[in-house]
Amino acid sequence: MKAQLVKRFEDEIRELELELKTQLPKEIQRAREHGDLRENAEYKAAKERQEYLQARIGMLKQRVAQLSLLNLDRIPRDRVGLGSTVHLKDADGETLVYQLVMPEDADGDRGWISTASPIGRALLNKEAGDEVHVRAPNGERLYEVLKLTTIHGGDDE
């Protein structure tokens, strides 16, 4: 998973740098040709995009550096930890699948939950068969850990 994340971040860095270095300068030049920059919406939008791209590239490079320092040996092999995929059963009997990720990678639509979220914190260090009580803003919820796959790749049932 560590290698997958690094590759994903490096791919995004390449795409953003391409836009920053090739496409955006052309947009800025075209906007400059329209005249007065103080009231030029295209120019302002391009400059804002440039600032965003620079910030995002910086953040992604920082994440790649952090991941290179991540010691996978410190992440448990038999309990929920960063990178684990967890299959849960809720009180209604519905099965939910989540992957624990860093806060900035969280994406509820993809089932990626932050280790800092209420459910993420409650799941940390749990094993298959454990009950999990989650205090969330919408009330307390109860789950059972059905199965987990750790960052190391092994299923623990």
N, C-alpha and C. Protein backbone atom coordinates (compact mmCIF):
# COMPACT_ATOMS: atom_id res chain seq x y z
N MET A 1 0.82 -1.19 0.00
CA MET A 1 0.00 0.00 0.00
C MET A 1 0.86 1.25 0.00
N LYS A 2 1.96 1.21 0.74
CA LYS A 2 2.85 2.37 0.80
C LYS A 2 3.33 2.73 -0.60
N ALA A 3 3.75 1.71 -1.35
CA ALA A 3 4.22 1.95 -2.72
C ALA A 3 3.10 2.47 -3.60
N GLN A 4 1.88 1.98 -3.41
CA GLN A 4 0.73 2.44 -4.19
C GLN A 4 0.45 3.91 -3.91
N LEU A 5 0.48 4.29 -2.64
CA LEU A 5 0.24 5.68 -2.27
C LEU A 5 1.31 6.59 -2.86
N VAL A 6 2.57 6.19 -2.74
CA VAL A 6 3.66 7.00 -3.27
C VAL A 6 3.49 7.16 -4.78
N LYS A 7 3.15 6.07 -5.47
CA LYS A 7 2.95 6.15 -6.92
C LYS A 7 1.79 7.07 -7.25
N ARG A 8 0.69 6.95 -6.52
CA ARG A 8 -0.48 7.81 -6.76
C ARG A 8 -0.12 9.28 -6.57
N PHE A 9 0.61 9.57 -5.49
CA PHE A 9 1.00 10.95 -5.23
C PHE A 9 1.97 11.45 -6.30
N GLU A 10 2.93 10.63 -6.69
CA GLU A 10 3.90 11.04 -7.70
C GLU A 10 3.23 11.25 -9.06
N ASP A 11 2.24 10.42 -9.40
CA ASP A 11 1.49 10.62 -10.64
C ASP A 11 0.74 11.95 -10.62
N GLU A 12 0.10 12.23 -9.48
CA GLU A 12 -0.63 13.50 -9.36
C GLU A 12 0.33 14.68 -9.44
N ILE A 13 1.50 14.57 -8.81
CA ILE A 13 2.51 15.64 -8.88
C ILE A 13 2.89 15.90 -10.33
N ARG A 14 3.13 14.83 -11.09
CA ARG A 14 3.50 14.99 -12.51
C ARG A 14 2.41 15.72 -13.29
N GLU A 15 1.15 15.31 -13.08
CA GLU A 15 0.03 15.95 -13.78
C GLU A 15 -0.08 17.43 -13.42
N LEU A 16 0.03 17.73 -12.13
CA LEU A 16 -0.09 19.12 -11.69
C LEU A 16 1.08 19.96 -12.18
N GLU A 17 2.28 19.40 -12.16
CA GLU A 17 3.44 20.15 -12.65
C GLU A 17 3.33 20.40 -14.15
N LEU A 18 2.78 19.46 -14.89
CA LEU A 18 2.57 19.66 -16.32
C LEU A 18 1.63 20.85 -16.55
N GLU A 19 0.53 20.85 -15.81
CA GLU A 19 -0.42 21.97 -15.93
C GLU A 19 0.23 23.28 -15.51
N LEU A 20 0.98 23.25 -14.41
CA LEU A 20 1.61 24.45 -13.89
C LEU A 20 2.66 25.03 -14.84
N LYS A 21 3.41 24.15 -15.48
CA LYS A 21 4.53 24.60 -16.30
C LYS A 21 4.21 24.78 -17.78
N THR A 22 3.15 24.14 -18.28
CA THR A 22 2.86 24.26 -19.71
C THR A 22 1.52 24.92 -20.01
N GLN A 23 0.44 24.42 -19.42
CA GLN A 23 -0.88 24.93 -19.76
C GLN A 23 -1.17 26.28 -19.12
N LEU A 24 -0.87 26.42 -17.85
CA LEU A 24 -1.20 27.64 -17.12
C LEU A 24 -0.46 28.87 -17.64
N PRO A 25 0.82 28.78 -17.96
CA PRO A 25 1.49 29.97 -18.51
C PRO A 25 0.82 30.47 -19.80
N LYS A 26 0.31 29.56 -20.62
CA LYS A 26 -0.38 29.96 -21.84
C LYS A 26 -1.67 30.71 -21.50
N GLU A 27 -2.41 30.20 -20.49
CA GLU A 27 -3.64 30.87 -20.07
C GLU A 27 -3.34 32.26 -19.52
N ILE A 28 -2.29 32.37 -18.72
CA ILE A 28 -1.92 33.66 -18.15
C ILE A 28 -1.53 34.63 -19.26
N GLN A 29 -0.77 34.16 -20.24
CA GLN A 29 -0.37 35.02 -21.37
C GLN A 29 -1.59 35.49 -22.15
N ARG A 30 -2.53 34.59 -22.43
CA ARG A 30 -3.74 34.97 -23.16
C ARG A 30 -4.53 36.02 -22.38
N ALA A 31 -4.62 35.82 -21.06
CA ALA A 31 -5.36 36.77 -20.22
C ALA A 31 -4.67 38.13 -20.20
N ARG A 32 -3.34 38.15 -20.19
CA ARG A 32 -2.60 39.42 -20.22
C ARG A 32 -2.88 40.20 -21.49
N GLU A 33 -3.08 39.47 -22.57
CA GLU A 33 -3.32 40.12 -23.86
C GLU A 33 -4.65 40.87 -23.90
N HIS A 34 -5.53 40.59 -22.94
CA HIS A 34 -6.82 41.27 -22.89
C HIS A 34 -6.72 42.66 -22.28
N GLY A 35 -5.56 43.02 -21.77
CA GLY A 35 -5.39 44.39 -21.28
C GLY A 35 -5.33 44.48 -19.77
N ASP A 36 -6.00 45.46 -19.20
CA ASP A 36 -5.95 45.83 -17.80
C ASP A 36 -6.11 44.61 -16.89
N LEU A 37 -5.05 44.30 -16.15
CA LEU A 37 -5.05 43.09 -15.30
C LEU A 37 -5.86 43.27 -14.03
N ARG A 38 -6.09 44.51 -13.61
CA ARG A 38 -6.82 44.75 -12.35
C ARG A 38 -8.27 44.29 -12.45
N GLU A 39 -8.84 44.33 -13.62
CA GLU A 39 -10.25 43.94 -13.78
C GLU A 39 -10.40 42.77 -14.74
N ASN A 40 -9.38 41.93 -14.79
CA ASN A 40 -9.37 40.81 -15.73
C ASN A 40 -9.64 39.52 -14.96
N ALA A 41 -10.87 39.01 -15.07
CA ALA A 41 -11.28 37.81 -14.32
C ALA A 41 -10.50 36.57 -14.76
N GLU A 42 -10.20 36.46 -16.04
CA GLU A 42 -9.45 35.31 -16.54
C GLU A 42 -8.05 35.28 -15.92
N TYR A 43 -7.43 36.44 -15.85
CA TYR A 43 -6.09 36.53 -15.27
C TYR A 43 -6.12 36.16 -13.79
N LYS A 44 -7.10 36.72 -13.07
CA LYS A 44 -7.21 36.42 -11.63
C LYS A 44 -7.45 34.93 -11.40
N ALA A 45 -8.31 34.33 -12.21
CA ALA A 45 -8.60 32.89 -12.06
C ALA A 45 -7.36 32.06 -12.34
N ALA A 46 -6.60 32.44 -13.37
CA ALA A 46 -5.39 31.69 -13.71
C ALA A 46 -4.35 31.83 -12.60
N LYS A 47 -4.22 33.01 -12.03
CA LYS A 47 -3.26 33.22 -10.94
C LYS A 47 -3.67 32.44 -9.69
N GLU A 48 -4.98 32.40 -9.41
CA GLU A 48 -5.47 31.61 -8.27
C GLU A 48 -5.21 30.12 -8.49
N ARG A 49 -5.42 29.68 -9.72
CA ARG A 49 -5.14 28.27 -10.04
C ARG A 49 -3.66 27.97 -9.87
N GLN A 50 -2.82 28.90 -10.26
CA GLN A 50 -1.37 28.75 -10.12
C GLN A 50 -0.99 28.60 -8.64
N GLU A 51 -1.56 29.43 -7.79
CA GLU A 51 -1.29 29.35 -6.35
C GLU A 51 -1.76 28.01 -5.79
N TYR A 52 -2.96 27.57 -6.22
CA TYR A 52 -3.49 26.29 -5.75
C TYR A 52 -2.56 25.15 -6.16
N LEU A 53 -2.15 25.14 -7.43
CA LEU A 53 -1.28 24.07 -7.92
C LEU A 53 0.04 24.02 -7.16
N GLN A 54 0.62 25.18 -6.91
CA GLN A 54 1.88 25.22 -6.17
C GLN A 54 1.70 24.67 -4.76
N ALA A 55 0.60 25.04 -4.11
CA ALA A 55 0.34 24.55 -2.75
C ALA A 55 0.09 23.04 -2.75
N ARG A 56 -0.70 22.56 -3.69
CA ARG A 56 -1.02 21.13 -3.76
C ARG A 56 0.24 20.32 -4.05
N ILE A 57 1.07 20.77 -4.97
CA ILE A 57 2.32 20.07 -5.29
C ILE A 57 3.20 20.01 -4.04
N GLY A 58 3.30 21.12 -3.32
CA GLY A 58 4.11 21.14 -2.10
C GLY A 58 3.59 20.15 -1.07
N MET A 59 2.26 20.11 -0.90
CA MET A 59 1.66 19.19 0.07
C MET A 59 1.91 17.74 -0.34
N LEU A 60 1.76 17.44 -1.63
CA LEU A 60 1.97 16.07 -2.09
C LEU A 60 3.43 15.64 -1.93
N LYS A 61 4.35 16.53 -2.21
CA LYS A 61 5.77 16.21 -2.03
C LYS A 61 6.07 15.95 -0.55
N GLN A 62 5.43 16.72 0.32
CA GLN A 62 5.61 16.51 1.76
C GLN A 62 5.06 15.14 2.16
N ARG A 63 3.90 14.74 1.60
CA ARG A 63 3.31 13.44 1.92
C ARG A 63 4.21 12.29 1.44
N VAL A 64 4.82 12.45 0.25
CA VAL A 64 5.73 11.42 -0.25
C VAL A 64 6.92 11.29 0.70
N ALA A 65 7.43 12.41 1.18
CA ALA A 65 8.55 12.37 2.12
C ALA A 65 8.13 11.70 3.43
N GLN A 66 6.94 12.00 3.92
CA GLN A 66 6.44 11.38 5.15
C GLN A 66 6.28 9.88 4.97
N LEU A 67 5.74 9.47 3.82
CA LEU A 67 5.55 8.04 3.57
C LEU A 67 6.87 7.30 3.50
N SER A 68 7.90 7.95 2.99
CA SER A 68 9.19 7.28 2.90
C SER A 68 9.76 7.02 4.30
N LEU A 69 9.32 7.80 5.29
CA LEU A 69 9.78 7.61 6.66
C LEU A 69 8.90 6.63 7.45
N LEU A 70 7.76 6.26 6.89
CA LEU A 70 6.81 5.39 7.58
C LEU A 70 7.41 4.00 7.77
N ASN A 71 7.44 3.56 9.01
CA ASN A 71 7.97 2.24 9.34
C ASN A 71 6.81 1.25 9.39
N LEU A 72 6.68 0.43 8.36
CA LEU A 72 5.58 -0.53 8.29
C LEU A 72 5.64 -1.57 9.39
N ASP A 73 6.81 -1.80 9.95
CA ASP A 73 6.94 -2.78 11.02
C ASP A 73 6.21 -2.34 12.29
N ARG A 74 5.95 -1.06 12.42
CA ARG A 74 5.25 -0.55 13.61
C ARG A 74 3.74 -0.63 13.47
N ILE A 75 3.25 -0.95 12.28
CA ILE A 75 1.81 -1.09 12.06
C ILE A 75 1.45 -2.54 12.32
N PRO A 76 0.45 -2.78 13.18
CA PRO A 76 0.12 -4.16 13.55
C PRO A 76 -0.29 -5.02 12.36
N ARG A 77 0.04 -6.31 12.47
CA ARG A 77 -0.29 -7.26 11.40
C ARG A 77 -1.61 -7.97 11.66
N ASP A 78 -2.11 -7.92 12.90
CA ASP A 78 -3.30 -8.68 13.25
C ASP A 78 -4.42 -7.81 13.79
N ARG A 79 -4.22 -6.51 13.80
CA ARG A 79 -5.23 -5.58 14.32
C ARG A 79 -5.38 -4.42 13.33
N VAL A 80 -6.48 -3.69 13.47
CA VAL A 80 -6.76 -2.56 12.59
C VAL A 80 -5.72 -1.47 12.83
N GLY A 81 -5.17 -0.97 11.74
CA GLY A 81 -4.22 0.13 11.77
C GLY A 81 -4.29 0.88 10.46
N LEU A 82 -3.42 1.84 10.28
CA LEU A 82 -3.36 2.62 9.04
C LEU A 82 -3.25 1.67 7.85
N GLY A 83 -4.09 1.89 6.85
CA GLY A 83 -4.06 1.07 5.65
C GLY A 83 -4.92 -0.18 5.70
N SER A 84 -5.46 -0.49 6.86
CA SER A 84 -6.31 -1.69 6.97
C SER A 84 -7.63 -1.49 6.24
N THR A 85 -8.11 -2.59 5.65
CA THR A 85 -9.47 -2.63 5.10
C THR A 85 -10.28 -3.45 6.09
N VAL A 86 -11.37 -2.84 6.56
CA VAL A 86 -12.16 -3.44 7.63
C VAL A 86 -13.59 -3.68 7.15
N HIS A 87 -14.07 -4.92 7.35
CA HIS A 87 -15.45 -5.28 7.04
C HIS A 87 -16.21 -5.27 8.36
N LEU A 88 -17.25 -4.46 8.43
CA LEU A 88 -18.03 -4.31 9.66
C LEU A 88 -19.48 -4.71 9.43
N LYS A 89 -20.13 -5.15 10.51
CA LYS A 89 -21.57 -5.37 10.48
C LYS A 89 -22.18 -4.38 11.46
N ASP A 90 -23.17 -3.61 10.98
CA ASP A 90 -23.80 -2.65 11.87
C ASP A 90 -24.99 -3.28 12.59
N ALA A 91 -25.69 -2.52 13.41
CA ALA A 91 -26.80 -3.04 14.22
C ALA A 91 -27.95 -3.56 13.36
N ASP A 92 -28.07 -3.06 12.13
CA ASP A 92 -29.12 -3.50 11.21
C ASP A 92 -28.72 -4.73 10.41
N GLY A 93 -27.50 -5.23 10.63
CA GLY A 93 -27.02 -6.40 9.90
C GLY A 93 -26.38 -6.06 8.57
N GLU A 94 -26.29 -4.78 8.25
CA GLU A 94 -25.68 -4.35 6.99
C GLU A 94 -24.16 -4.43 7.10
N THR A 95 -23.51 -4.87 6.01
CA THR A 95 -22.06 -4.95 5.99
C THR A 95 -21.49 -3.69 5.36
N LEU A 96 -20.51 -3.11 6.03
CA LEU A 96 -19.83 -1.90 5.56
C LEU A 96 -18.35 -2.22 5.42
N VAL A 97 -17.71 -1.63 4.43
CA VAL A 97 -16.28 -1.85 4.21
C VAL A 97 -15.60 -0.49 4.18
N TYR A 98 -14.59 -0.33 5.03
CA TYR A 98 -13.83 0.91 5.10
C TYR A 98 -12.34 0.61 5.01
N GLN A 99 -11.61 1.57 4.49
CA GLN A 99 -10.15 1.51 4.53
C GLN A 99 -9.68 2.70 5.34
N LEU A 100 -8.79 2.48 6.30
CA LEU A 100 -8.27 3.56 7.13
C LEU A 100 -7.10 4.25 6.44
N VAL A 101 -7.23 5.55 6.28
CA VAL A 101 -6.23 6.34 5.57
C VAL A 101 -5.87 7.57 6.39
N MET A 102 -4.86 8.30 5.92
CA MET A 102 -4.48 9.55 6.55
C MET A 102 -5.62 10.56 6.36
N PRO A 103 -5.76 11.51 7.28
CA PRO A 103 -6.89 12.46 7.21
C PRO A 103 -7.04 13.16 5.86
N GLU A 104 -5.95 13.56 5.24
CA GLU A 104 -6.07 14.29 3.97
C GLU A 104 -6.43 13.40 2.79
N ASP A 105 -6.42 12.09 2.98
CA ASP A 105 -6.78 11.16 1.91
C ASP A 105 -8.20 10.64 2.06
N ALA A 106 -8.88 11.01 3.13
CA ALA A 106 -10.23 10.51 3.39
C ALA A 106 -11.18 10.87 2.25
N ASP A 107 -12.02 9.90 1.88
CA ASP A 107 -13.00 10.07 0.82
C ASP A 107 -14.14 9.10 1.11
N GLY A 108 -15.18 9.62 1.71
CA GLY A 108 -16.31 8.78 2.11
C GLY A 108 -16.94 8.02 0.97
N ASP A 109 -16.98 8.63 -0.21
CA ASP A 109 -17.58 7.96 -1.36
C ASP A 109 -16.82 6.70 -1.76
N ARG A 110 -15.53 6.68 -1.48
CA ARG A 110 -14.70 5.52 -1.81
C ARG A 110 -14.54 4.57 -0.62
N GLY A 111 -15.12 4.94 0.52
CA GLY A 111 -14.98 4.11 1.71
C GLY A 111 -13.66 4.31 2.43
N TRP A 112 -12.98 5.42 2.14
CA TRP A 112 -11.71 5.73 2.79
C TRP A 112 -12.00 6.64 3.97
N ILE A 113 -11.76 6.15 5.18
CA ILE A 113 -12.03 6.97 6.36
C ILE A 113 -10.73 7.30 7.07
N SER A 114 -10.72 8.45 7.67
CA SER A 114 -9.54 8.95 8.35
C SER A 114 -9.32 8.21 9.67
N THR A 115 -8.06 8.00 9.98
CA THR A 115 -7.72 7.42 11.29
C THR A 115 -8.06 8.40 12.40
N ALA A 116 -8.31 9.66 12.06
CA ALA A 116 -8.64 10.67 13.06
C ALA A 116 -10.15 10.87 13.22
N SER A 117 -10.95 10.22 12.37
CA SER A 117 -12.41 10.35 12.46
C SER A 117 -12.90 9.54 13.66
N PRO A 118 -14.12 9.79 14.13
CA PRO A 118 -14.63 9.01 15.27
C PRO A 118 -14.61 7.50 15.02
N ILE A 119 -15.05 7.06 13.85
CA ILE A 119 -15.05 5.61 13.58
C ILE A 119 -13.63 5.10 13.38
N GLY A 120 -12.78 5.90 12.74
CA GLY A 120 -11.39 5.50 12.54
C GLY A 120 -10.67 5.29 13.87
N ARG A 121 -10.86 6.24 14.79
CA ARG A 121 -10.22 6.12 16.12
C ARG A 121 -10.76 4.91 16.87
N ALA A 122 -12.07 4.67 16.75
CA ALA A 122 -12.67 3.55 17.46
C ALA A 122 -12.19 2.20 16.91
N LEU A 123 -11.88 2.16 15.62
CA LEU A 123 -11.46 0.91 15.00
C LEU A 123 -10.00 0.55 15.27
N LEU A 124 -9.17 1.54 15.52
CA LEU A 124 -7.74 1.27 15.71
C LEU A 124 -7.50 0.21 16.77
N ASN A 125 -6.65 -0.73 16.45
CA ASN A 125 -6.23 -1.83 17.34
C ASN A 125 -7.31 -2.88 17.60
N LYS A 126 -8.42 -2.85 16.86
CA LYS A 126 -9.44 -3.89 17.01
C LYS A 126 -9.06 -5.09 16.17
N GLU A 127 -9.62 -6.25 16.54
CA GLU A 127 -9.37 -7.50 15.82
C GLU A 127 -10.68 -8.04 15.30
N ALA A 128 -10.60 -8.99 14.37
CA ALA A 128 -11.81 -9.65 13.87
C ALA A 128 -12.56 -10.24 15.06
N GLY A 129 -13.89 -10.02 15.09
CA GLY A 129 -14.73 -10.51 16.18
C GLY A 129 -14.99 -9.47 17.25
N ASP A 130 -14.20 -8.40 17.30
CA ASP A 130 -14.40 -7.35 18.31
C ASP A 130 -15.64 -6.52 18.02
N GLU A 131 -16.25 -6.03 19.11
CA GLU A 131 -17.33 -5.04 18.99
C GLU A 131 -16.70 -3.66 19.07
N VAL A 132 -17.27 -2.75 18.30
CA VAL A 132 -16.75 -1.39 18.26
C VAL A 132 -17.88 -0.43 18.58
N HIS A 133 -17.69 0.38 19.60
CA HIS A 133 -18.64 1.43 19.96
C HIS A 133 -18.09 2.75 19.44
N VAL A 134 -18.89 3.41 18.62
CA VAL A 134 -18.45 4.66 18.00
C VAL A 134 -19.35 5.79 18.47
N ARG A 135 -18.73 6.78 19.06
CA ARG A 135 -19.47 8.00 19.41
C ARG A 135 -19.27 8.98 18.28
N ALA A 136 -20.34 9.21 17.54
CA ALA A 136 -20.31 10.11 16.40
C ALA A 136 -21.26 11.27 16.65
N PRO A 137 -21.14 12.33 15.88
CA PRO A 137 -22.04 13.48 16.07
C PRO A 137 -23.52 13.11 15.98
N ASN A 138 -23.85 12.07 15.22
CA ASN A 138 -25.27 11.67 15.09
C ASN A 138 -25.66 10.57 16.07
N GLY A 139 -24.86 10.34 17.10
CA GLY A 139 -25.20 9.37 18.13
C GLY A 139 -24.22 8.22 18.19
N GLU A 140 -24.44 7.34 19.17
CA GLU A 140 -23.55 6.19 19.33
C GLU A 140 -23.99 5.06 18.42
N ARG A 141 -22.99 4.40 17.82
CA ARG A 141 -23.27 3.28 16.93
C ARG A 141 -22.44 2.07 17.37
N LEU A 142 -22.95 0.90 17.07
CA LEU A 142 -22.27 -0.33 17.43
C LEU A 142 -22.01 -1.14 16.16
N TYR A 143 -20.78 -1.63 16.05
CA TYR A 143 -20.37 -2.43 14.90
C TYR A 143 -19.66 -3.68 15.40
N GLU A 144 -19.63 -4.69 14.55
CA GLU A 144 -18.82 -5.88 14.81
C GLU A 144 -17.80 -5.98 13.67
N VAL A 145 -16.53 -6.21 14.03
CA VAL A 145 -15.49 -6.38 13.02
C VAL A 145 -15.61 -7.80 12.50
N LEU A 146 -16.01 -7.94 11.24
CA LEU A 146 -16.16 -9.25 10.63
C LEU A 146 -14.83 -9.77 10.11
N LYS A 147 -14.08 -8.89 9.47
CA LYS A 147 -12.86 -9.29 8.79
C LYS A 147 -11.99 -8.06 8.63
N LEU A 148 -10.68 -8.27 8.61
CA LEU A 148 -9.79 -7.15 8.32
C LEU A 148 -8.61 -7.63 7.51
N THR A 149 -8.15 -6.75 6.65
CA THR A 149 -6.95 -6.99 5.87
C THR A 149 -6.02 -5.84 6.20
N THR A 150 -4.85 -6.15 6.71
CA THR A 150 -3.94 -5.09 7.13
C THR A 150 -3.13 -4.59 5.94
N ILE A 151 -2.38 -3.54 6.17
CA ILE A 151 -1.52 -2.96 5.14
C ILE A 151 -0.49 -3.98 4.65
N HIS A 152 -0.25 -4.98 5.48
CA HIS A 152 0.73 -6.02 5.16
C HIS A 152 0.15 -7.06 4.21
N GLY A 153 -1.20 -7.01 4.00
CA GLY A 153 -1.81 -7.87 3.00
C GLY A 153 -2.47 -9.12 3.52
N GLY A 154 -2.28 -9.47 4.76
CA GLY A 154 -2.87 -10.71 5.27
C GLY A 154 -4.27 -10.51 5.79
N ASP A 155 -5.15 -11.47 5.52
CA ASP A 155 -6.51 -11.45 6.07
C ASP A 155 -6.48 -12.03 7.47
N ASP A 156 -7.19 -11.36 8.36
CA ASP A 156 -7.36 -11.90 9.71
C ASP A 156 -8.85 -12.05 9.94
N GLU A 157 -9.29 -13.28 10.11
CA GLU A 157 -10.73 -13.52 10.29
C GLU A 157 -10.97 -14.16 11.63
